[in-house]
Amino acid sequence: FILSCNFFLIGYVFKLGEEGLGYYNDSDEVEVEEEVEVEVEVEDVIAPYDFKQLNEVITILVQVPRIDPKTVNARFTEKQLLLSFHTIKEANDDDDDVDNHQNKRHVLILNTSEPLNTDKCRFDVADKNMIVVLYKLNNGLWDTPLLSVEPNEYSKIFPLKKIKKKQIQKKIISLKNRSSSSSSNNNNNNN
């Protein structure tokens, strides 16, 4: 025996009815939530950075916190750095935009005025930022070490993509068919 005050059923009311004391359908429809997978287009955000040039290297500090190391895609060509990544959502983030972390891809494209030693170039991800080290093929200080790329060029190099994301959707289901089929089953059992 379970007291009615200990629980409730959505779409039902506890009352004395035709079949005795119990839960009865309160309406013909009930709202339910279900998790569905939807495709969402990824938005690109140009990653902010600072850099320092030395004789042998150019060190780039990418100033984005909580970078997900599994999502980092760094490509080094003779005169270019191509970088993309996503960030990790933290459980205690209050930011309304935090839910969209996976809907945003951070990207960075930098051209160099002189050739790089691509075999030595590397990156390292930390909690608050990422460091990228570009090794120069020929030592020395360059007059113009890094050349930025126009924003419209990003979509040519990093085509927009869609990701699958789970979200909760509400839908209303009808209880009419369910009630009539269960009462017909009860009538068959009584015969």
N, C-alpha and C. Protein backbone atom coordinates (compact mmCIF):
# COMPACT_ATOMS: atom_id res chain seq x y z
N PHE A 1 0.84 -1.18 0.00
CA PHE A 1 0.00 0.00 0.00
C PHE A 1 0.88 1.24 0.00
N ILE A 2 0.60 2.18 -0.90
CA ILE A 2 1.37 3.42 -0.99
C ILE A 2 0.40 4.58 -0.87
N LEU A 3 0.70 5.50 0.07
CA LEU A 3 -0.14 6.68 0.23
C LEU A 3 -0.06 7.55 -1.02
N SER A 4 -1.17 8.14 -1.41
CA SER A 4 -1.18 8.98 -2.61
C SER A 4 -0.37 10.25 -2.43
N CYS A 5 -0.18 10.70 -1.19
CA CYS A 5 0.56 11.93 -0.97
C CYS A 5 2.06 11.74 -1.18
N ASN A 6 2.53 10.50 -1.31
CA ASN A 6 3.95 10.23 -1.47
C ASN A 6 4.44 10.38 -2.92
N PHE A 7 3.52 10.41 -3.88
CA PHE A 7 3.93 10.53 -5.27
C PHE A 7 2.77 11.04 -6.10
N PHE A 8 3.07 11.37 -7.35
CA PHE A 8 2.01 11.77 -8.27
C PHE A 8 2.41 11.29 -9.66
N LEU A 9 1.42 11.17 -10.51
CA LEU A 9 1.65 10.76 -11.89
C LEU A 9 1.21 11.91 -12.80
N ILE A 10 2.10 12.31 -13.70
CA ILE A 10 1.78 13.41 -14.61
C ILE A 10 0.63 12.99 -15.51
N GLY A 11 -0.39 13.87 -15.61
CA GLY A 11 -1.53 13.60 -16.47
C GLY A 11 -2.62 12.77 -15.81
N TYR A 12 -2.45 12.45 -14.52
CA TYR A 12 -3.45 11.65 -13.81
C TYR A 12 -3.86 12.37 -12.53
N VAL A 13 -5.05 12.05 -12.03
CA VAL A 13 -5.54 12.57 -10.78
C VAL A 13 -5.98 11.39 -9.91
N PHE A 14 -5.70 11.48 -8.61
CA PHE A 14 -6.07 10.43 -7.67
C PHE A 14 -7.47 10.71 -7.16
N LYS A 15 -8.42 9.77 -7.43
CA LYS A 15 -9.81 10.00 -7.02
C LYS A 15 -10.57 8.68 -6.95
N LEU A 16 -11.81 8.78 -6.40
CA LEU A 16 -12.71 7.64 -6.39
C LEU A 16 -13.51 7.72 -7.68
N GLY A 17 -13.34 6.73 -8.55
CA GLY A 17 -13.98 6.77 -9.85
C GLY A 17 -14.75 5.50 -10.14
N GLU A 18 -15.04 5.27 -11.41
CA GLU A 18 -15.85 4.12 -11.86
C GLU A 18 -15.24 2.79 -11.44
N GLU A 19 -13.92 2.72 -11.40
CA GLU A 19 -13.27 1.45 -11.07
C GLU A 19 -12.72 1.41 -9.65
N GLY A 20 -13.11 2.39 -8.84
CA GLY A 20 -12.66 2.42 -7.46
C GLY A 20 -11.67 3.56 -7.22
N LEU A 21 -11.01 3.53 -6.04
CA LEU A 21 -10.07 4.57 -5.66
C LEU A 21 -8.74 4.32 -6.38
N GLY A 22 -8.25 5.34 -7.09
CA GLY A 22 -6.98 5.18 -7.80
C GLY A 22 -6.68 6.36 -8.71
N TYR A 23 -5.71 6.16 -9.59
CA TYR A 23 -5.30 7.22 -10.51
C TYR A 23 -6.11 7.12 -11.80
N TYR A 24 -6.66 8.27 -12.20
CA TYR A 24 -7.44 8.35 -13.44
C TYR A 24 -6.84 9.40 -14.35
N ASN A 25 -6.96 9.15 -15.65
CA ASN A 25 -6.46 10.09 -16.65
C ASN A 25 -7.17 11.42 -16.46
N ASP A 26 -6.38 12.51 -16.31
CA ASP A 26 -6.93 13.83 -16.05
C ASP A 26 -7.19 14.61 -17.35
N SER A 27 -6.55 14.22 -18.44
CA SER A 27 -6.74 14.93 -19.71
C SER A 27 -6.51 13.95 -20.85
N ASP A 28 -6.78 14.44 -22.03
CA ASP A 28 -6.56 13.60 -23.21
C ASP A 28 -5.12 13.67 -23.70
N GLU A 29 -4.36 14.67 -23.18
CA GLU A 29 -2.98 14.86 -23.64
C GLU A 29 -2.07 15.09 -22.43
N VAL A 30 -0.81 14.75 -22.60
CA VAL A 30 0.18 15.00 -21.57
C VAL A 30 1.48 15.45 -22.26
N GLU A 31 2.19 16.41 -21.61
CA GLU A 31 3.46 16.89 -22.15
C GLU A 31 4.59 16.05 -21.59
N VAL A 32 5.46 15.56 -22.45
CA VAL A 32 6.61 14.77 -22.03
C VAL A 32 7.87 15.37 -22.64
N GLU A 33 8.99 15.11 -22.00
CA GLU A 33 10.28 15.56 -22.51
C GLU A 33 11.04 14.34 -23.01
N GLU A 34 11.74 14.53 -24.13
CA GLU A 34 12.60 13.47 -24.63
C GLU A 34 13.89 14.07 -25.15
N GLU A 35 14.96 13.31 -25.04
CA GLU A 35 16.25 13.76 -25.53
C GLU A 35 16.38 13.36 -26.99
N VAL A 36 16.70 14.34 -27.84
CA VAL A 36 16.86 14.09 -29.26
C VAL A 36 18.21 14.62 -29.72
N GLU A 37 18.70 14.08 -30.81
CA GLU A 37 19.96 14.53 -31.38
C GLU A 37 19.66 15.44 -32.56
N VAL A 38 20.25 16.65 -32.54
CA VAL A 38 20.04 17.61 -33.62
C VAL A 38 21.39 18.04 -34.18
N GLU A 39 21.39 18.50 -35.43
CA GLU A 39 22.61 19.03 -36.03
C GLU A 39 22.64 20.53 -35.83
N VAL A 40 23.81 21.04 -35.37
CA VAL A 40 23.99 22.45 -35.12
C VAL A 40 25.21 22.92 -35.90
N GLU A 41 25.10 24.08 -36.56
CA GLU A 41 26.23 24.61 -37.30
C GLU A 41 27.23 25.22 -36.32
N VAL A 42 28.50 24.95 -36.54
CA VAL A 42 29.56 25.45 -35.68
C VAL A 42 29.90 26.88 -36.10
N GLU A 43 30.01 27.76 -35.11
CA GLU A 43 30.39 29.15 -35.37
C GLU A 43 31.89 29.30 -35.13
N ASP A 44 32.58 29.99 -36.04
CA ASP A 44 34.02 30.23 -35.87
C ASP A 44 34.27 31.54 -35.14
N VAL A 45 35.22 31.48 -34.20
CA VAL A 45 35.66 32.65 -33.45
C VAL A 45 37.17 32.73 -33.62
N ILE A 46 37.67 33.90 -34.02
CA ILE A 46 39.12 34.05 -34.18
C ILE A 46 39.75 34.14 -32.80
N ALA A 47 40.70 33.25 -32.54
CA ALA A 47 41.33 33.17 -31.22
C ALA A 47 42.26 34.36 -30.99
N PRO A 48 42.15 35.01 -29.84
CA PRO A 48 43.07 36.12 -29.52
C PRO A 48 44.46 35.57 -29.18
N TYR A 49 45.49 36.35 -29.51
CA TYR A 49 46.86 35.87 -29.26
C TYR A 49 47.82 37.04 -29.07
N ASP A 50 48.96 36.75 -28.48
CA ASP A 50 50.13 37.63 -28.40
C ASP A 50 51.31 36.82 -28.89
N PHE A 51 52.39 37.48 -29.29
CA PHE A 51 53.56 36.73 -29.70
C PHE A 51 54.84 37.45 -29.31
N LYS A 52 55.92 36.68 -29.28
CA LYS A 52 57.26 37.21 -29.00
C LYS A 52 58.21 36.56 -29.98
N GLN A 53 59.08 37.36 -30.55
CA GLN A 53 60.05 36.85 -31.52
C GLN A 53 61.45 36.81 -30.91
N LEU A 54 62.12 35.69 -31.07
CA LEU A 54 63.53 35.54 -30.71
C LEU A 54 64.29 35.16 -31.98
N ASN A 55 65.59 35.02 -31.90
CA ASN A 55 66.39 34.67 -33.09
C ASN A 55 65.97 33.34 -33.70
N GLU A 56 65.67 32.34 -32.85
CA GLU A 56 65.38 30.99 -33.34
C GLU A 56 63.90 30.68 -33.51
N VAL A 57 63.05 31.38 -32.73
CA VAL A 57 61.63 31.01 -32.69
C VAL A 57 60.72 32.24 -32.62
N ILE A 58 59.46 31.99 -32.92
CA ILE A 58 58.37 32.93 -32.61
C ILE A 58 57.45 32.16 -31.66
N THR A 59 57.22 32.71 -30.49
CA THR A 59 56.35 32.08 -29.50
C THR A 59 55.01 32.79 -29.51
N ILE A 60 53.95 32.02 -29.71
CA ILE A 60 52.60 32.58 -29.78
C ILE A 60 51.82 32.10 -28.56
N LEU A 61 51.23 33.05 -27.83
CA LEU A 61 50.40 32.73 -26.68
C LEU A 61 48.94 32.92 -27.09
N VAL A 62 48.21 31.81 -27.20
CA VAL A 62 46.80 31.84 -27.56
C VAL A 62 46.02 32.01 -26.26
N GLN A 63 45.33 33.14 -26.14
CA GLN A 63 44.72 33.51 -24.87
C GLN A 63 43.25 33.08 -24.78
N VAL A 64 43.06 31.77 -24.71
CA VAL A 64 41.73 31.18 -24.56
C VAL A 64 41.81 30.15 -23.43
N PRO A 65 41.00 30.28 -22.38
CA PRO A 65 41.04 29.29 -21.29
C PRO A 65 40.27 28.03 -21.64
N ARG A 66 40.59 26.95 -20.93
CA ARG A 66 39.89 25.65 -21.00
C ARG A 66 39.83 25.06 -22.41
N ILE A 67 40.94 25.09 -23.11
CA ILE A 67 41.01 24.48 -24.44
C ILE A 67 40.97 22.97 -24.27
N ASP A 68 40.15 22.31 -25.05
CA ASP A 68 40.07 20.85 -25.02
C ASP A 68 41.21 20.29 -25.89
N PRO A 69 42.23 19.69 -25.28
CA PRO A 69 43.39 19.20 -26.05
C PRO A 69 43.03 18.19 -27.13
N LYS A 70 41.93 17.43 -26.91
CA LYS A 70 41.54 16.41 -27.90
C LYS A 70 41.02 17.03 -29.19
N THR A 71 40.64 18.31 -29.14
CA THR A 71 40.05 18.95 -30.32
C THR A 71 41.04 19.83 -31.08
N VAL A 72 42.26 19.96 -30.58
CA VAL A 72 43.24 20.85 -31.22
C VAL A 72 43.71 20.26 -32.55
N ASN A 73 43.61 21.08 -33.58
CA ASN A 73 44.13 20.72 -34.90
C ASN A 73 45.12 21.82 -35.28
N ALA A 74 46.42 21.50 -35.22
CA ALA A 74 47.48 22.46 -35.56
C ALA A 74 48.24 21.94 -36.77
N ARG A 75 48.28 22.76 -37.82
CA ARG A 75 49.04 22.40 -39.02
C ARG A 75 50.08 23.48 -39.29
N PHE A 76 51.29 23.04 -39.49
CA PHE A 76 52.39 23.95 -39.77
C PHE A 76 52.84 23.73 -41.21
N THR A 77 52.80 24.79 -42.02
CA THR A 77 53.31 24.70 -43.38
C THR A 77 54.54 25.60 -43.47
N GLU A 78 55.12 25.68 -44.63
CA GLU A 78 56.38 26.43 -44.77
C GLU A 78 56.25 27.88 -44.27
N LYS A 79 55.12 28.52 -44.54
CA LYS A 79 54.96 29.91 -44.12
C LYS A 79 53.59 30.18 -43.48
N GLN A 80 53.04 29.16 -42.80
CA GLN A 80 51.71 29.38 -42.25
C GLN A 80 51.43 28.46 -41.05
N LEU A 81 50.67 29.01 -40.09
CA LEU A 81 50.13 28.25 -38.97
C LEU A 81 48.62 28.22 -39.15
N LEU A 82 48.04 27.01 -39.13
CA LEU A 82 46.59 26.82 -39.17
C LEU A 82 46.20 26.13 -37.86
N LEU A 83 45.32 26.77 -37.09
CA LEU A 83 45.00 26.26 -35.76
C LEU A 83 43.50 26.33 -35.53
N SER A 84 42.92 25.23 -35.02
CA SER A 84 41.51 25.23 -34.63
C SER A 84 41.34 24.35 -33.39
N PHE A 85 40.34 24.70 -32.56
CA PHE A 85 40.08 23.93 -31.34
C PHE A 85 38.74 24.35 -30.74
N HIS A 86 38.26 23.55 -29.79
CA HIS A 86 37.06 23.85 -29.00
C HIS A 86 37.48 24.00 -27.55
N THR A 87 36.60 24.57 -26.72
CA THR A 87 36.87 24.70 -25.30
C THR A 87 35.97 23.75 -24.51
N ILE A 88 36.33 23.54 -23.25
CA ILE A 88 35.59 22.65 -22.36
C ILE A 88 34.69 23.48 -21.47
N LYS A 89 33.44 23.05 -21.35
CA LYS A 89 32.49 23.73 -20.46
C LYS A 89 32.77 23.28 -19.03
N GLU A 90 32.76 24.24 -18.11
CA GLU A 90 32.94 23.91 -16.69
C GLU A 90 31.60 23.86 -16.01
N ALA A 91 31.44 22.95 -15.05
CA ALA A 91 30.17 22.75 -14.36
C ALA A 91 29.72 23.99 -13.59
N ASN A 92 30.66 24.78 -13.09
CA ASN A 92 30.29 25.93 -12.26
C ASN A 92 30.20 27.23 -13.06
N ASP A 93 30.25 27.17 -14.39
CA ASP A 93 30.11 28.37 -15.21
C ASP A 93 28.69 28.90 -15.14
N ASP A 94 28.56 30.21 -14.88
CA ASP A 94 27.25 30.85 -14.84
C ASP A 94 26.90 31.50 -16.16
N ASP A 95 27.86 31.63 -17.03
CA ASP A 95 27.68 32.31 -18.32
C ASP A 95 26.58 31.64 -19.14
N ASP A 96 25.62 32.45 -19.63
CA ASP A 96 24.54 31.91 -20.47
C ASP A 96 25.09 31.29 -21.73
N ASP A 97 26.22 31.79 -22.19
CA ASP A 97 26.80 31.34 -23.46
C ASP A 97 27.58 30.04 -23.32
N VAL A 98 27.75 29.57 -22.07
CA VAL A 98 28.57 28.39 -21.81
C VAL A 98 28.04 27.16 -22.53
N ASP A 99 26.72 27.06 -22.67
CA ASP A 99 26.14 25.91 -23.37
C ASP A 99 26.56 25.85 -24.83
N ASN A 100 26.99 26.96 -25.37
CA ASN A 100 27.36 27.02 -26.78
C ASN A 100 28.84 26.76 -27.02
N HIS A 101 29.59 26.36 -25.98
CA HIS A 101 31.03 26.14 -26.17
C HIS A 101 31.31 25.19 -27.34
N GLN A 102 30.58 24.08 -27.39
CA GLN A 102 30.84 23.13 -28.47
C GLN A 102 30.27 23.60 -29.80
N ASN A 103 29.47 24.66 -29.78
CA ASN A 103 28.95 25.20 -31.02
C ASN A 103 29.90 26.23 -31.61
N LYS A 104 30.98 26.53 -30.89
CA LYS A 104 31.96 27.50 -31.36
C LYS A 104 33.30 26.81 -31.57
N ARG A 105 33.91 27.13 -32.68
CA ARG A 105 35.25 26.62 -32.95
C ARG A 105 36.17 27.84 -32.99
N HIS A 106 37.22 27.79 -32.18
CA HIS A 106 38.22 28.85 -32.20
C HIS A 106 39.21 28.54 -33.32
N VAL A 107 39.53 29.54 -34.11
CA VAL A 107 40.45 29.34 -35.23
C VAL A 107 41.49 30.45 -35.24
N LEU A 108 42.64 30.14 -35.80
CA LEU A 108 43.70 31.13 -35.95
C LEU A 108 44.54 30.75 -37.17
N ILE A 109 44.72 31.72 -38.05
CA ILE A 109 45.58 31.53 -39.22
C ILE A 109 46.60 32.65 -39.22
N LEU A 110 47.87 32.29 -39.20
CA LEU A 110 48.93 33.28 -39.24
C LEU A 110 49.93 32.90 -40.33
N ASN A 111 50.28 33.88 -41.14
CA ASN A 111 51.31 33.69 -42.16
C ASN A 111 52.61 34.26 -41.63
N THR A 112 53.72 33.66 -42.03
CA THR A 112 55.03 34.19 -41.65
C THR A 112 55.71 34.78 -42.88
N SER A 113 56.59 35.75 -42.64
CA SER A 113 57.27 36.40 -43.77
C SER A 113 58.45 35.56 -44.27
N GLU A 114 58.92 34.64 -43.44
CA GLU A 114 60.05 33.78 -43.79
C GLU A 114 59.66 32.32 -43.53
N PRO A 115 60.42 31.36 -44.11
CA PRO A 115 60.05 29.94 -43.94
C PRO A 115 60.28 29.41 -42.52
N LEU A 116 59.45 28.42 -42.16
CA LEU A 116 59.52 27.76 -40.86
C LEU A 116 60.17 26.39 -40.98
N ASN A 117 60.71 25.90 -39.88
CA ASN A 117 61.19 24.53 -39.78
C ASN A 117 60.01 23.73 -39.21
N THR A 118 59.16 23.22 -40.10
CA THR A 118 57.90 22.59 -39.69
C THR A 118 58.10 21.33 -38.84
N ASP A 119 59.25 20.67 -38.99
CA ASP A 119 59.51 19.46 -38.19
C ASP A 119 59.65 19.78 -36.70
N LYS A 120 60.07 20.99 -36.37
CA LYS A 120 60.30 21.36 -34.98
C LYS A 120 59.12 22.11 -34.35
N CYS A 121 58.24 22.69 -35.15
CA CYS A 121 57.13 23.48 -34.62
C CYS A 121 56.25 22.60 -33.73
N ARG A 122 55.72 23.21 -32.66
CA ARG A 122 54.92 22.43 -31.70
C ARG A 122 53.97 23.33 -30.95
N PHE A 123 53.10 22.70 -30.15
CA PHE A 123 52.17 23.45 -29.29
C PHE A 123 51.98 22.69 -27.99
N ASP A 124 51.52 23.43 -26.96
CA ASP A 124 51.25 22.82 -25.66
C ASP A 124 50.04 23.53 -25.06
N VAL A 125 49.06 22.74 -24.60
CA VAL A 125 47.83 23.28 -24.03
C VAL A 125 47.93 23.29 -22.51
N ALA A 126 47.58 24.44 -21.90
CA ALA A 126 47.51 24.57 -20.44
C ALA A 126 46.07 24.92 -20.06
N ASP A 127 45.80 25.08 -18.76
CA ASP A 127 44.44 25.38 -18.31
C ASP A 127 43.93 26.73 -18.81
N LYS A 128 44.81 27.72 -18.83
CA LYS A 128 44.36 29.09 -19.14
C LYS A 128 44.73 29.57 -20.54
N ASN A 129 45.51 28.78 -21.28
CA ASN A 129 45.94 29.23 -22.61
C ASN A 129 46.63 28.08 -23.35
N MET A 130 47.15 28.41 -24.51
CA MET A 130 47.94 27.46 -25.30
C MET A 130 49.16 28.21 -25.81
N ILE A 131 50.27 27.53 -25.87
CA ILE A 131 51.48 28.12 -26.43
C ILE A 131 51.83 27.39 -27.71
N VAL A 132 52.16 28.14 -28.74
CA VAL A 132 52.59 27.58 -30.02
C VAL A 132 53.99 28.10 -30.28
N VAL A 133 54.91 27.20 -30.61
CA VAL A 133 56.29 27.59 -30.89
C VAL A 133 56.57 27.33 -32.37
N LEU A 134 56.86 28.40 -33.10
CA LEU A 134 57.22 28.30 -34.52
C LEU A 134 58.73 28.44 -34.64
N TYR A 135 59.37 27.37 -35.09
CA TYR A 135 60.82 27.40 -35.27
C TYR A 135 61.16 27.95 -36.66
N LYS A 136 62.10 28.86 -36.69
CA LYS A 136 62.52 29.47 -37.95
C LYS A 136 63.49 28.55 -38.68
N LEU A 137 63.38 28.51 -40.00
CA LEU A 137 64.31 27.71 -40.79
C LEU A 137 65.70 28.36 -40.75
N ASN A 138 65.73 29.70 -40.82
CA ASN A 138 66.98 30.46 -40.75
C ASN A 138 66.88 31.42 -39.57
N ASN A 139 67.88 31.35 -38.66
CA ASN A 139 67.86 32.20 -37.47
C ASN A 139 67.95 33.67 -37.85
N GLY A 140 67.45 34.51 -36.96
CA GLY A 140 67.51 35.96 -37.14
C GLY A 140 66.16 36.58 -36.82
N LEU A 141 66.18 37.90 -36.61
CA LEU A 141 64.94 38.62 -36.34
C LEU A 141 64.32 39.07 -37.67
N TRP A 142 63.04 38.83 -37.81
CA TRP A 142 62.31 39.20 -39.03
C TRP A 142 61.66 40.56 -38.82
N ASP A 143 61.66 41.38 -39.87
CA ASP A 143 61.03 42.70 -39.78
C ASP A 143 59.53 42.58 -39.50
N THR A 144 58.86 41.69 -40.22
CA THR A 144 57.43 41.45 -40.05
C THR A 144 57.25 39.96 -39.79
N PRO A 145 57.31 39.55 -38.51
CA PRO A 145 57.29 38.11 -38.22
C PRO A 145 55.97 37.42 -38.58
N LEU A 146 54.83 38.06 -38.24
CA LEU A 146 53.53 37.42 -38.47
C LEU A 146 52.62 38.33 -39.26
N LEU A 147 51.93 37.74 -40.22
CA LEU A 147 50.96 38.48 -41.04
C LEU A 147 49.60 37.86 -40.79
N SER A 148 48.65 38.68 -40.36
CA SER A 148 47.31 38.14 -40.10
C SER A 148 46.55 37.97 -41.40
N VAL A 149 45.53 37.17 -41.34
CA VAL A 149 44.71 36.83 -42.50
C VAL A 149 43.36 37.53 -42.36
N GLU A 150 42.81 38.00 -43.45
CA GLU A 150 41.50 38.65 -43.44
C GLU A 150 40.44 37.65 -42.95
N PRO A 151 39.47 38.11 -42.15
CA PRO A 151 38.43 37.20 -41.62
C PRO A 151 37.69 36.41 -42.70
N ASN A 152 37.45 36.99 -43.87
CA ASN A 152 36.73 36.25 -44.92
C ASN A 152 37.54 35.09 -45.47
N GLU A 153 38.83 35.05 -45.25
CA GLU A 153 39.68 33.95 -45.71
C GLU A 153 39.51 32.70 -44.82
N TYR A 154 39.07 32.91 -43.58
CA TYR A 154 38.93 31.80 -42.64
C TYR A 154 37.96 30.74 -43.15
N SER A 155 36.82 31.17 -43.69
CA SER A 155 35.82 30.20 -44.14
C SER A 155 36.31 29.37 -45.33
N LYS A 156 37.27 29.90 -46.09
CA LYS A 156 37.84 29.13 -47.20
C LYS A 156 38.76 28.02 -46.68
N ILE A 157 39.47 28.33 -45.62
CA ILE A 157 40.43 27.36 -45.06
C ILE A 157 39.77 26.42 -44.06
N PHE A 158 38.88 26.97 -43.25
CA PHE A 158 38.13 26.17 -42.27
C PHE A 158 36.66 26.20 -42.64
N PRO A 159 36.22 25.31 -43.52
CA PRO A 159 34.80 25.31 -43.90
C PRO A 159 33.91 25.08 -42.68
N LEU A 160 32.77 25.76 -42.66
CA LEU A 160 31.83 25.56 -41.56
C LEU A 160 31.36 24.12 -41.55
N LYS A 161 31.18 23.60 -40.38
CA LYS A 161 30.73 22.22 -40.27
C LYS A 161 29.58 22.15 -39.29
N LYS A 162 28.92 21.03 -39.29
CA LYS A 162 27.81 20.80 -38.36
C LYS A 162 28.22 19.70 -37.40
N ILE A 163 27.78 19.85 -36.15
CA ILE A 163 28.03 18.81 -35.15
C ILE A 163 26.68 18.30 -34.64
N LYS A 164 26.69 17.09 -34.13
CA LYS A 164 25.47 16.53 -33.53
C LYS A 164 25.50 16.87 -32.05
N LYS A 165 24.35 17.33 -31.58
CA LYS A 165 24.24 17.75 -30.19
C LYS A 165 22.93 17.22 -29.62
N LYS A 166 22.96 16.78 -28.37
CA LYS A 166 21.74 16.29 -27.73
C LYS A 166 21.05 17.46 -27.04
N GLN A 167 19.73 17.50 -27.19
CA GLN A 167 18.96 18.51 -26.48
C GLN A 167 17.61 17.94 -26.09
N ILE A 168 16.99 18.58 -25.11
CA ILE A 168 15.68 18.13 -24.62
C ILE A 168 14.59 18.85 -25.41
N GLN A 169 13.64 18.07 -25.93
CA GLN A 169 12.50 18.63 -26.63
C GLN A 169 11.24 18.19 -25.90
N LYS A 170 10.29 19.11 -25.82
CA LYS A 170 9.00 18.78 -25.21
C LYS A 170 8.03 18.45 -26.32
N LYS A 171 7.19 17.46 -26.07
CA LYS A 171 6.13 17.15 -27.03
C LYS A 171 4.90 16.69 -26.26
N ILE A 172 3.77 16.87 -26.90
CA ILE A 172 2.50 16.49 -26.29
C ILE A 172 2.03 15.20 -26.94
N ILE A 173 1.70 14.22 -26.09
CA ILE A 173 1.19 12.96 -26.62
C ILE A 173 -0.26 12.78 -26.19
N SER A 174 -1.03 12.14 -27.03
CA SER A 174 -2.45 11.91 -26.75
C SER A 174 -2.60 10.63 -25.94
N LEU A 175 -3.46 10.69 -24.95
CA LEU A 175 -3.71 9.52 -24.11
C LEU A 175 -5.03 8.83 -24.48
N LYS A 176 -5.79 9.40 -25.43
CA LYS A 176 -7.09 8.82 -25.80
C LYS A 176 -6.95 7.39 -26.29
N ASN A 177 -6.08 7.14 -27.24
CA ASN A 177 -5.91 5.80 -27.81
C ASN A 177 -5.44 4.81 -26.77
N ARG A 178 -4.58 5.27 -25.88
CA ARG A 178 -4.05 4.37 -24.85
C ARG A 178 -5.15 3.96 -23.88
N SER A 179 -6.02 4.91 -23.50
CA SER A 179 -7.09 4.59 -22.54
C SER A 179 -8.07 3.61 -23.13
N SER A 180 -8.47 3.84 -24.40
CA SER A 180 -9.47 2.96 -25.01
C SER A 180 -8.90 1.57 -25.26
N SER A 181 -7.62 1.46 -25.60
CA SER A 181 -7.06 0.14 -25.86
C SER A 181 -6.87 -0.63 -24.56
N SER A 182 -6.55 0.08 -23.47
CA SER A 182 -6.37 -0.65 -22.21
C SER A 182 -7.73 -1.07 -21.64
N SER A 183 -8.80 -0.26 -21.88
CA SER A 183 -10.10 -0.68 -21.38
C SER A 183 -10.65 -1.84 -22.19
N SER A 184 -10.34 -1.90 -23.50
CA SER A 184 -10.80 -3.04 -24.30
C SER A 184 -10.06 -4.30 -23.89
N ASN A 185 -8.79 -4.18 -23.49
CA ASN A 185 -8.04 -5.34 -23.00
C ASN A 185 -8.65 -5.85 -21.70
N ASN A 186 -9.09 -4.91 -20.85
CA ASN A 186 -9.70 -5.30 -19.58
C ASN A 186 -11.01 -6.04 -19.84
N ASN A 187 -11.78 -5.59 -20.83
CA ASN A 187 -13.05 -6.25 -21.15
C ASN A 187 -12.81 -7.66 -21.67
N ASN A 188 -11.74 -7.85 -22.47
CA ASN A 188 -11.42 -9.18 -22.99
C ASN A 188 -11.01 -10.12 -21.88
N ASN A 189 -10.32 -9.58 -20.87
CA ASN A 189 -9.87 -10.43 -19.77
C ASN A 189 -11.05 -10.86 -18.90
N ASN A 190 -12.11 -10.05 -18.83
CA ASN A 190 -13.26 -10.38 -17.99
C ASN A 190 -14.14 -11.46 -18.62
N ASN A 191 -14.05 -11.68 -19.92
CA ASN A 191 -14.91 -12.66 -20.60
C ASN A 191 -14.42 -14.04 -20.44
